[in-house]
Amino acid sequence: MLDSQCPFAPGSRRLPFADVETPLRPGVTTRLHYRERGSGPALVLLHSGWGYEAYPFTHQLDALSARYRIVVPDRTGYGASEPLDELPEGYHRLYALETLRLLDRLGIGPAVLWGHSDGAVVAAWTAIEAPVRVRGLVLEAFHFWRGKVASIPFFETGANRPEEFGEAKVAALRLDHGEGRWRGIVGAGARAWLRIIARGRREGGDLYDARLGEVRCPALLLHGSHDPRSEPGEIEAARAALPDATLEFLDTGHAPHSSARMGGEATRIAERFLARLPEAPRVASG
């Protein structure tokens, strides 16, 4: 099934879906929900490990859809897409392969990827796996190391007591995933990250198997200077692995794009980066 004619409208009951064979559910055709707005070169926004509504791209959709065809998928397990009980340790790379298959299904060629948090890891893996398909990367709240030991209490809370993240975040998670699913989604991601961190403590290394240097497209590292999920020196290590990337710090936390105070500036920085990319043919959505 493919219904990409339905424009994204908050609160709309008509949702566009695409049927994709994803490595997260091998051998099963999976129904993925995606939002779409605008026309022009493709810009794909990839949500964090909590899904779209926890850190929505509302400002970016409003600001950029006049010039870009913006596609915002719910990855398998999230939002209105098909559910998934657990995440394997290497799920970021598998989601990158899923993203490429969705783009194939939607007839999208080379695209710019803007990923936030887990979505930034997925975006980077997509550029590693298929460099000709990615024109540029906006890597926001980027994760680099496996052994993110300072985040162990955060992920333990997600695995066992997600209600402690506060009423506002819980309300957004309920809106996105439903009362019956939001705890499982947060818990699955937290458990996967705890396994990743345990491996990092044993073996060291990064989330990209030392392959981040294979990224060939222009990249922007967009980061909150008070991001609680960043280890000391982590962003500098990511920059060393991507020496040609542009690094921009903003005076905010984990999600510059959805910050009430800094969201506009995050969008302007991204717009300037996008404007410097080599031109792509404008193709109407649908």
C-alpha atoms as a PDB file:
ATOM      1  CA  MET A   1       0.000   0.000   0.000  1.00  0.00           C
ATOM      2  CA  LEU A   2       1.256   3.490  -0.845  1.00  0.00           C
ATOM      3  CA  ASP A   3      -0.697   6.663  -0.151  1.00  0.00           C
ATOM      4  CA  SER A   4       1.694   9.579  -0.385  1.00  0.00           C
ATOM      5  CA  GLN A   5      -1.034  11.973  -1.545  1.00  0.00           C
ATOM      6  CA  CYS A   6      -2.180  12.812   1.955  1.00  0.00           C
ATOM      7  CA  PRO A   7      -0.410  15.982   3.143  1.00  0.00           C
ATOM      8  CA  PHE A   8       0.738  16.077   6.742  1.00  0.00           C
ATOM      9  CA  ALA A   9      -1.684  17.983   8.912  1.00  0.00           C
ATOM     10  CA  PRO A  10      -1.514  17.822  12.722  1.00  0.00           C
ATOM     11  CA  GLY A  11      -4.512  15.945  14.049  1.00  0.00           C
ATOM     12  CA  SER A  12      -5.461  14.555  10.650  1.00  0.00           C
ATOM     13  CA  ARG A  13      -7.181  11.176  10.725  1.00  0.00           C
ATOM     14  CA  ARG A  14      -5.939  10.303   7.215  1.00  0.00           C
ATOM     15  CA  LEU A  15      -2.417   8.997   7.393  1.00  0.00           C
ATOM     16  CA  PRO A  16      -0.045   8.136   4.541  1.00  0.00           C
ATOM     17  CA  PHE A  17       1.591   4.709   4.708  1.00  0.00           C
ATOM     18  CA  ALA A  18       4.063   2.707   2.661  1.00  0.00           C
ATOM     19  CA  ASP A  19       4.656  -1.042   2.700  1.00  0.00           C
ATOM     20  CA  VAL A  20       8.353  -1.795   3.168  1.00  0.00           C
ATOM     21  CA  GLU A  21      10.455  -4.895   3.750  1.00  0.00           C
ATOM     22  CA  THR A  22      12.508  -3.836   6.749  1.00  0.00           C
ATOM     23  CA  PRO A  23      15.422  -5.770   8.283  1.00  0.00           C
ATOM     24  CA  LEU A  24      13.854  -5.064  11.684  1.00  0.00           C
ATOM     25  CA  ARG A  25      11.088  -7.552  10.776  1.00  0.00           C
ATOM     26  CA  PRO A  26      12.741  -9.910   8.276  1.00  0.00           C
ATOM     27  CA  GLY A  27      10.420 -11.766   5.942  1.00  0.00           C
ATOM     28  CA  VAL A  28       7.430  -9.588   6.814  1.00  0.00           C
ATOM     29  CA  THR A  29       6.077  -6.644   4.841  1.00  0.00           C
ATOM     30  CA  THR A  30       5.818  -3.758   7.292  1.00  0.00           C
ATOM     31  CA  ARG A  31       3.444  -0.802   7.141  1.00  0.00           C
ATOM     32  CA  LEU A  32       5.335   2.422   7.824  1.00  0.00           C
ATOM     33  CA  HIS A  33       3.643   5.724   8.515  1.00  0.00           C
ATOM     34  CA  TYR A  34       5.250   8.911   7.253  1.00  0.00           C
ATOM     35  CA  ARG A  35       4.413  12.605   7.215  1.00  0.00           C
ATOM     36  CA  GLU A  36       5.000  14.592   4.040  1.00  0.00           C
ATOM     37  CA  ARG A  37       4.819  18.265   3.194  1.00  0.00           C
ATOM     38  CA  GLY A  38       6.125  20.565   0.484  1.00  0.00           C
ATOM     39  CA  SER A  39       7.917  20.066  -2.811  1.00  0.00           C
ATOM     40  CA  GLY A  40      11.447  20.373  -4.126  1.00  0.00           C
ATOM     41  CA  PRO A  41      14.655  18.542  -3.186  1.00  0.00           C
ATOM     42  CA  ALA A  42      14.050  15.813  -0.633  1.00  0.00           C
ATOM     43  CA  LEU A  43      14.725  16.506   3.044  1.00  0.00           C
ATOM     44  CA  VAL A  44      14.136  13.552   5.384  1.00  0.00           C
ATOM     45  CA  LEU A  45      13.712  14.250   9.114  1.00  0.00           C
ATOM     46  CA  LEU A  46      14.562  11.301  11.379  1.00  0.00           C
ATOM     47  CA  HIS A  47      13.138  11.306  14.906  1.00  0.00           C
ATOM     48  CA  SER A  48      14.858  10.407  18.162  1.00  0.00           C
ATOM     49  CA  GLY A  49      14.613   7.156  20.103  1.00  0.00           C
ATOM     50  CA  TRP A  50      11.388   8.369  21.706  1.00  0.00           C
ATOM     51  CA  GLY A  51       9.596   9.032  18.428  1.00  0.00           C
ATOM     52  CA  TYR A  52       8.350  12.148  16.684  1.00  0.00           C
ATOM     53  CA  GLU A  53       6.108  13.873  19.231  1.00  0.00           C
ATOM     54  CA  ALA A  54       8.660  13.976  22.074  1.00  0.00           C
ATOM     55  CA  TYR A  55      10.734  16.464  20.031  1.00  0.00           C
ATOM     56  CA  PRO A  56       8.565  17.472  17.048  1.00  0.00           C
ATOM     57  CA  PHE A  57       9.931  19.188  13.951  1.00  0.00           C
ATOM     58  CA  THR A  58       7.006  21.626  13.800  1.00  0.00           C
ATOM     59  CA  HIS A  59       9.108  24.743  13.201  1.00  0.00           C
ATOM     60  CA  GLN A  60      11.176  23.051  10.496  1.00  0.00           C
ATOM     61  CA  LEU A  61       8.089  21.823   8.642  1.00  0.00           C
ATOM     62  CA  ASP A  62       6.685  25.357   8.663  1.00  0.00           C
ATOM     63  CA  ALA A  63       9.947  27.044   7.702  1.00  0.00           C
ATOM     64  CA  LEU A  64      11.317  24.674   5.060  1.00  0.00           C
ATOM     65  CA  SER A  65       8.384  23.075   3.254  1.00  0.00           C
ATOM     66  CA  ALA A  66       8.141  25.942   0.743  1.00  0.00           C
ATOM     67  CA  ARG A  67      11.523  24.874  -0.670  1.00  0.00           C
ATOM     68  CA  TYR A  68      11.853  21.175   0.160  1.00  0.00           C
ATOM     69  CA  ARG A  69       9.873  17.992  -0.083  1.00  0.00           C
ATOM     70  CA  ILE A  70       9.969  17.023   3.589  1.00  0.00           C
ATOM     71  CA  VAL A  71       9.366  13.424   4.595  1.00  0.00           C
ATOM     72  CA  VAL A  72       9.184  12.443   8.273  1.00  0.00           C
ATOM     73  CA  PRO A  73       8.832   8.672   8.784  1.00  0.00           C
ATOM     74  CA  ASP A  74       7.839   6.836  11.922  1.00  0.00           C
ATOM     75  CA  ARG A  75      10.402   4.039  12.073  1.00  0.00           C
ATOM     76  CA  THR A  76       9.199   0.503  12.703  1.00  0.00           C
ATOM     77  CA  GLY A  77       7.923   0.278  16.270  1.00  0.00           C
ATOM     78  CA  TYR A  78       7.031   3.972  16.557  1.00  0.00           C
ATOM     79  CA  GLY A  79       3.923   6.088  16.193  1.00  0.00           C
ATOM     80  CA  ALA A  80       1.451   4.798  13.636  1.00  0.00           C
ATOM     81  CA  SER A  81       3.937   2.344  12.103  1.00  0.00           C
ATOM     82  CA  GLU A  82       3.842  -1.383  12.884  1.00  0.00           C
ATOM     83  CA  PRO A  83       4.892  -2.334  16.437  1.00  0.00           C
ATOM     84  CA  LEU A  84       8.173  -3.950  17.424  1.00  0.00           C
ATOM     85  CA  ASP A  85       8.761  -5.654  20.762  1.00  0.00           C
ATOM     86  CA  GLU A  86      12.544  -5.313  21.135  1.00  0.00           C
ATOM     87  CA  LEU A  87      15.496  -3.619  19.454  1.00  0.00           C
ATOM     88  CA  PRO A  88      18.698  -5.517  18.643  1.00  0.00           C
ATOM     89  CA  GLU A  89      22.005  -3.941  19.623  1.00  0.00           C
ATOM     90  CA  GLY A  90      22.766  -2.948  16.021  1.00  0.00           C
ATOM     91  CA  TYR A  91      19.387  -1.369  15.417  1.00  0.00           C
ATOM     92  CA  HIS A  92      20.724   1.982  14.147  1.00  0.00           C
ATOM     93  CA  ARG A  93      22.279   0.362  11.080  1.00  0.00           C
ATOM     94  CA  LEU A  94      19.143  -1.718  10.462  1.00  0.00           C
ATOM     95  CA  TYR A  95      17.004   1.417  10.619  1.00  0.00           C
ATOM     96  CA  ALA A  96      19.343   3.016   8.058  1.00  0.00           C
ATOM     97  CA  LEU A  97      18.626   0.144   5.669  1.00  0.00           C
ATOM     98  CA  GLU A  98      14.914   0.562   6.410  1.00  0.00           C
ATOM     99  CA  THR A  99      15.167   4.276   5.597  1.00  0.00           C
ATOM    100  CA  LEU A 100      16.733   3.500   2.214  1.00  0.00           C
ATOM    101  CA  ARG A 101      13.944   1.053   1.398  1.00  0.00           C
ATOM    102  CA  LEU A 102      11.306   3.619   2.327  1.00  0.00           C
ATOM    103  CA  LEU A 103      12.969   6.202   0.082  1.00  0.00           C
ATOM    104  CA  ASP A 104      12.964   3.646  -2.736  1.00  0.00           C
ATOM    105  CA  ARG A 105       9.259   3.031  -2.131  1.00  0.00           C
ATOM    106  CA  LEU A 106       8.520   6.766  -2.280  1.00  0.00           C
ATOM    107  CA  GLY A 107      10.595   7.254  -5.426  1.00  0.00           C
ATOM    108  CA  ILE A 108      13.103   9.520  -3.679  1.00  0.00           C
ATOM    109  CA  GLY A 109      16.649   9.594  -5.015  1.00  0.00           C
ATOM    110  CA  PRO A 110      19.475  11.521  -3.335  1.00  0.00           C
ATOM    111  CA  ALA A 111      18.203  13.283  -0.218  1.00  0.00           C
ATOM    112  CA  VAL A 112      19.402  15.372   2.687  1.00  0.00           C
ATOM    113  CA  LEU A 113      18.937  13.666   6.056  1.00  0.00           C
ATOM    114  CA  TRP A 114      18.398  15.610   9.272  1.00  0.00           C
ATOM    115  CA  GLY A 115      18.503  13.217  12.192  1.00  0.00           C
ATOM    116  CA  HIS A 116      18.048  13.981  15.874  1.00  0.00           C
ATOM    117  CA  SER A 117      19.718  11.844  18.581  1.00  0.00           C
ATOM    118  CA  ASP A 118      19.079   8.195  17.601  1.00  0.00           C
ATOM    119  CA  GLY A 119      17.887   9.574  14.268  1.00  0.00           C
ATOM    120  CA  ALA A 120      21.288  11.207  13.757  1.00  0.00           C
ATOM    121  CA  VAL A 121      22.985   7.828  14.222  1.00  0.00           C
ATOM    122  CA  VAL A 122      20.549   6.360  11.685  1.00  0.00           C
ATOM    123  CA  ALA A 123      21.284   9.221   9.271  1.00  0.00           C
ATOM    124  CA  ALA A 124      25.052   8.705   9.538  1.00  0.00           C
ATOM    125  CA  TRP A 125      24.696   4.956   8.966  1.00  0.00           C
ATOM    126  CA  THR A 126      22.549   5.679   5.902  1.00  0.00           C
ATOM    127  CA  ALA A 127      25.362   7.802   4.442  1.00  0.00           C
ATOM    128  CA  ILE A 128      27.872   5.038   5.220  1.00  0.00           C
ATOM    129  CA  GLU A 129      25.744   2.317   3.637  1.00  0.00           C
ATOM    130  CA  ALA A 130      24.655   4.271   0.549  1.00  0.00           C
ATOM    131  CA  PRO A 131      26.828   7.356  -0.012  1.00  0.00           C
ATOM    132  CA  VAL A 132      25.323   8.165  -3.413  1.00  0.00           C
ATOM    133  CA  ARG A 133      21.857   8.436  -1.829  1.00  0.00           C
ATOM    134  CA  VAL A 134      22.744  11.115   0.731  1.00  0.00           C
ATOM    135  CA  ARG A 135      23.462  14.699  -0.421  1.00  0.00           C
ATOM    136  CA  GLY A 136      24.040  16.110   3.038  1.00  0.00           C
ATOM    137  CA  LEU A 137      23.667  15.357   6.748  1.00  0.00           C
ATOM    138  CA  VAL A 138      22.400  17.425   9.641  1.00  0.00           C
ATOM    139  CA  LEU A 139      23.485  15.441  12.703  1.00  0.00           C
ATOM    140  CA  GLU A 140      21.744  16.913  15.743  1.00  0.00           C
ATOM    141  CA  ALA A 141      22.456  15.736  19.302  1.00  0.00           C
ATOM    142  CA  PHE A 142      24.853  13.236  17.738  1.00  0.00           C
ATOM    143  CA  HIS A 143      25.954  10.075  19.550  1.00  0.00           C
ATOM    144  CA  PHE A 144      29.437   8.760  18.797  1.00  0.00           C
ATOM    145  CA  TRP A 145      30.775   6.464  21.501  1.00  0.00           C
ATOM    146  CA  ARG A 146      29.261   3.157  22.594  1.00  0.00           C
ATOM    147  CA  GLY A 147      30.333   3.457  26.228  1.00  0.00           C
ATOM    148  CA  LYS A 148      28.147   6.386  27.284  1.00  0.00           C
ATOM    149  CA  VAL A 149      28.477   5.588  30.977  1.00  0.00           C
ATOM    150  CA  ALA A 150      27.117   8.927  32.207  1.00  0.00           C
ATOM    151  CA  SER A 151      23.772   8.034  30.609  1.00  0.00           C
ATOM    152  CA  ILE A 152      23.361   4.701  32.418  1.00  0.00           C
ATOM    153  CA  PRO A 153      20.976   6.152  35.069  1.00  0.00           C
ATOM    154  CA  PHE A 154      18.898   7.785  32.311  1.00  0.00           C
ATOM    155  CA  PHE A 155      18.498   4.514  30.418  1.00  0.00           C
ATOM    156  CA  GLU A 156      17.843   2.554  33.607  1.00  0.00           C
ATOM    157  CA  THR A 157      14.980   4.953  34.305  1.00  0.00           C
ATOM    158  CA  GLY A 158      13.671   4.429  30.781  1.00  0.00           C
ATOM    159  CA  ALA A 159      13.823   0.671  31.167  1.00  0.00           C
ATOM    160  CA  ASN A 160      12.142   0.541  34.567  1.00  0.00           C
ATOM    161  CA  ARG A 161      10.416   3.817  35.549  1.00  0.00           C
ATOM    162  CA  PRO A 162       9.662   5.873  32.426  1.00  0.00           C
ATOM    163  CA  GLU A 163       6.916   7.825  34.228  1.00  0.00           C
ATOM    164  CA  GLU A 164       9.725   9.678  36.018  1.00  0.00           C
ATOM    165  CA  PHE A 165      10.564  11.573  32.835  1.00  0.00           C
ATOM    166  CA  GLY A 166       7.741  13.965  33.702  1.00  0.00           C
ATOM    167  CA  GLU A 167       4.161  14.708  32.740  1.00  0.00           C
ATOM    168  CA  ALA A 168       4.948  16.719  29.598  1.00  0.00           C
ATOM    169  CA  LYS A 169       7.149  14.039  28.031  1.00  0.00           C
ATOM    170  CA  VAL A 170       4.759  11.246  29.041  1.00  0.00           C
ATOM    171  CA  ALA A 171       1.864  13.161  27.463  1.00  0.00           C
ATOM    172  CA  ALA A 172       3.838  13.501  24.197  1.00  0.00           C
ATOM    173  CA  LEU A 173       4.713   9.795  24.257  1.00  0.00           C
ATOM    174  CA  ARG A 174       1.078   8.852  24.847  1.00  0.00           C
ATOM    175  CA  LEU A 175      -0.011  11.099  21.966  1.00  0.00           C
ATOM    176  CA  ASP A 176       2.528   9.504  19.629  1.00  0.00           C
ATOM    177  CA  HIS A 177       2.310   5.839  20.558  1.00  0.00           C
ATOM    178  CA  GLY A 178      -0.843   5.351  22.632  1.00  0.00           C
ATOM    179  CA  GLU A 179      -1.305   4.432  26.268  1.00  0.00           C
ATOM    180  CA  GLY A 180      -0.703   0.752  25.596  1.00  0.00           C
ATOM    181  CA  ARG A 181       2.610   1.192  23.747  1.00  0.00           C
ATOM    182  CA  TRP A 182       4.624   4.154  24.981  1.00  0.00           C
ATOM    183  CA  ARG A 183       6.240   2.391  27.960  1.00  0.00           C
ATOM    184  CA  GLY A 184       7.309  -0.515  25.781  1.00  0.00           C
ATOM    185  CA  ILE A 185       8.852   1.796  23.179  1.00  0.00           C
ATOM    186  CA  VAL A 186      10.854   3.757  25.746  1.00  0.00           C
ATOM    187  CA  GLY A 187      11.838   0.546  27.512  1.00  0.00           C
ATOM    188  CA  ALA A 188      12.999  -1.239  24.369  1.00  0.00           C
ATOM    189  CA  GLY A 189      15.250   1.643  23.380  1.00  0.00           C
ATOM    190  CA  ALA A 190      16.657   1.947  26.897  1.00  0.00           C
ATOM    191  CA  ARG A 191      17.440  -1.760  27.131  1.00  0.00           C
ATOM    192  CA  ALA A 192      19.159  -1.700  23.742  1.00  0.00           C
ATOM    193  CA  TRP A 193      21.266   1.273  24.813  1.00  0.00           C
ATOM    194  CA  LEU A 194      22.243  -0.425  28.071  1.00  0.00           C
ATOM    195  CA  ARG A 195      23.529  -3.367  26.018  1.00  0.00           C
ATOM    196  CA  ILE A 196      25.416  -0.982  23.725  1.00  0.00           C
ATOM    197  CA  ILE A 197      26.998   0.763  26.719  1.00  0.00           C
ATOM    198  CA  ALA A 198      27.965  -2.561  28.305  1.00  0.00           C
ATOM    199  CA  ARG A 199      29.742  -3.528  25.087  1.00  0.00           C
ATOM    200  CA  GLY A 200      31.436  -0.156  24.984  1.00  0.00           C
ATOM    201  CA  ARG A 201      32.743  -0.635  28.513  1.00  0.00           C
ATOM    202  CA  ARG A 202      34.167  -4.023  27.531  1.00  0.00           C
ATOM    203  CA  GLU A 203      35.517  -3.180  24.091  1.00  0.00           C
ATOM    204  CA  GLY A 204      35.529   0.577  23.628  1.00  0.00           C
ATOM    205  CA  GLY A 205      34.835   1.801  20.114  1.00  0.00           C
ATOM    206  CA  ASP A 206      32.137   3.846  18.480  1.00  0.00           C
ATOM    207  CA  LEU A 207      28.640   3.246  17.130  1.00  0.00           C
ATOM    208  CA  TYR A 208      29.881   3.133  13.522  1.00  0.00           C
ATOM    209  CA  ASP A 209      32.460   0.332  13.746  1.00  0.00           C
ATOM    210  CA  ALA A 210      35.144   2.939  13.004  1.00  0.00           C
ATOM    211  CA  ARG A 211      33.486   3.662   9.618  1.00  0.00           C
ATOM    212  CA  LEU A 212      32.255   7.220  10.173  1.00  0.00           C
ATOM    213  CA  GLY A 213      35.127   8.505   8.063  1.00  0.00           C
ATOM    214  CA  GLU A 214      33.482   6.830   5.052  1.00  0.00           C
ATOM    215  CA  VAL A 215      30.859   9.604   4.992  1.00  0.00           C
ATOM    216  CA  ARG A 216      31.544  11.627   1.851  1.00  0.00           C
ATOM    217  CA  CYS A 217      28.746  14.208   1.810  1.00  0.00           C
ATOM    218  CA  PRO A 218      28.828  17.583   3.606  1.00  0.00           C
ATOM    219  CA  ALA A 219      27.800  17.297   7.254  1.00  0.00           C
ATOM    220  CA  LEU A 220      26.624  19.701   9.941  1.00  0.00           C
ATOM    221  CA  LEU A 221      26.986  18.745  13.601  1.00  0.00           C
ATOM    222  CA  LEU A 222      24.251  20.702  15.414  1.00  0.00           C
ATOM    223  CA  HIS A 223      24.569  20.344  19.167  1.00  0.00           C
ATOM    224  CA  GLY A 224      23.250  21.764  22.397  1.00  0.00           C
ATOM    225  CA  SER A 225      26.087  22.905  24.624  1.00  0.00           C
ATOM    226  CA  HIS A 226      24.143  21.601  27.655  1.00  0.00           C
ATOM    227  CA  ASP A 227      23.137  18.244  26.155  1.00  0.00           C
ATOM    228  CA  PRO A 228      22.950  15.795  29.093  1.00  0.00           C
ATOM    229  CA  ARG A 229      23.368  12.768  26.812  1.00  0.00           C
ATOM    230  CA  SER A 230      26.849  13.796  25.629  1.00  0.00           C
ATOM    231  CA  GLU A 231      29.977  12.413  27.277  1.00  0.00           C
ATOM    232  CA  PRO A 232      32.924  14.765  27.869  1.00  0.00           C
ATOM    233  CA  GLY A 233      34.899  14.952  24.627  1.00  0.00           C
ATOM    234  CA  GLU A 234      32.361  12.942  22.637  1.00  0.00           C
ATOM    235  CA  ILE A 235      31.449  15.619  20.100  1.00  0.00           C
ATOM    236  CA  GLU A 236      35.101  16.522  19.636  1.00  0.00           C
ATOM    237  CA  ALA A 237      35.816  12.844  18.897  1.00  0.00           C
ATOM    238  CA  ALA A 238      32.967  12.789  16.366  1.00  0.00           C
ATOM    239  CA  ARG A 239      34.394  15.915  14.739  1.00  0.00           C
ATOM    240  CA  ALA A 240      37.807  14.230  14.514  1.00  0.00           C
ATOM    241  CA  ALA A 241      36.171  11.303  12.713  1.00  0.00           C
ATOM    242  CA  LEU A 242      34.383  13.784  10.400  1.00  0.00           C
ATOM    243  CA  PRO A 243      37.099  16.426   9.966  1.00  0.00           C
ATOM    244  CA  ASP A 244      35.295  18.286   7.182  1.00  0.00           C
ATOM    245  CA  ALA A 245      32.025  18.632   9.115  1.00  0.00           C
ATOM    246  CA  THR A 246      30.771  21.992  10.335  1.00  0.00           C
ATOM    247  CA  LEU A 247      30.212  22.107  14.102  1.00  0.00           C
ATOM    248  CA  GLU A 248      27.657  24.496  15.596  1.00  0.00           C
ATOM    249  CA  PHE A 249      26.901  24.668  19.321  1.00  0.00           C
ATOM    250  CA  LEU A 250      23.703  26.262  20.598  1.00  0.00           C
ATOM    251  CA  ASP A 251      22.991  27.347  24.156  1.00  0.00           C
ATOM    252  CA  THR A 252      20.402  24.669  24.837  1.00  0.00           C
ATOM    253  CA  GLY A 253      19.946  21.003  25.748  1.00  0.00           C
ATOM    254  CA  HIS A 254      19.291  17.773  23.890  1.00  0.00           C
ATOM    255  CA  ALA A 255      16.955  19.030  21.147  1.00  0.00           C
ATOM    256  CA  PRO A 256      17.921  22.401  19.654  1.00  0.00           C
ATOM    257  CA  HIS A 257      15.374  22.055  16.833  1.00  0.00           C
ATOM    258  CA  SER A 258      12.395  21.890  19.211  1.00  0.00           C
ATOM    259  CA  SER A 259      13.677  24.350  21.812  1.00  0.00           C
ATOM    260  CA  ALA A 260      11.240  27.220  22.363  1.00  0.00           C
ATOM    261  CA  ARG A 261      14.184  29.585  22.765  1.00  0.00           C
ATOM    262  CA  MET A 262      16.665  28.244  20.196  1.00  0.00           C
ATOM    263  CA  GLY A 263      14.537  26.341  17.657  1.00  0.00           C
ATOM    264  CA  GLY A 264      14.476  29.261  15.233  1.00  0.00           C
ATOM    265  CA  GLU A 265      18.246  29.660  15.352  1.00  0.00           C
ATOM    266  CA  ALA A 266      18.735  25.908  14.863  1.00  0.00           C
ATOM    267  CA  THR A 267      16.559  26.122  11.756  1.00  0.00           C
ATOM    268  CA  ARG A 268      18.451  29.135  10.405  1.00  0.00           C
ATOM    269  CA  ILE A 269      21.790  27.369  10.860  1.00  0.00           C
ATOM    270  CA  ALA A 270      20.434  24.320   9.043  1.00  0.00           C
ATOM    271  CA  GLU A 271      18.991  26.518   6.268  1.00  0.00           C
ATOM    272  CA  ARG A 272      22.382  28.102   5.643  1.00  0.00           C
ATOM    273  CA  PHE A 273      23.969  24.664   5.484  1.00  0.00           C
ATOM    274  CA  LEU A 274      21.304  23.394   3.076  1.00  0.00           C
ATOM    275  CA  ALA A 275      21.751  26.441   0.846  1.00  0.00           C
ATOM    276  CA  ARG A 276      25.438  25.632   0.391  1.00  0.00           C
ATOM    277  CA  LEU A 277      24.808  22.096  -0.858  1.00  0.00           C
ATOM    278  CA  PRO A 278      25.098  21.381  -4.579  1.00  0.00           C
ATOM    279  CA  GLU A 279      21.769  21.934  -6.257  1.00  0.00           C
ATOM    280  CA  ALA A 280      19.377  19.028  -6.705  1.00  0.00           C
ATOM    281  CA  PRO A 281      16.539  18.900  -9.233  1.00  0.00           C
ATOM    282  CA  ARG A 282      13.210  20.089  -7.880  1.00  0.00           C
ATOM    283  CA  VAL A 283      10.699  17.258  -8.014  1.00  0.00           C
ATOM    284  CA  ALA A 284       7.077  17.691  -6.957  1.00  0.00           C
ATOM    285  CA  SER A 285       5.831  15.459  -4.131  1.00  0.00           C
ATOM    286  CA  GLY A 286       3.542  12.533  -4.919  1.00  0.00           C
END
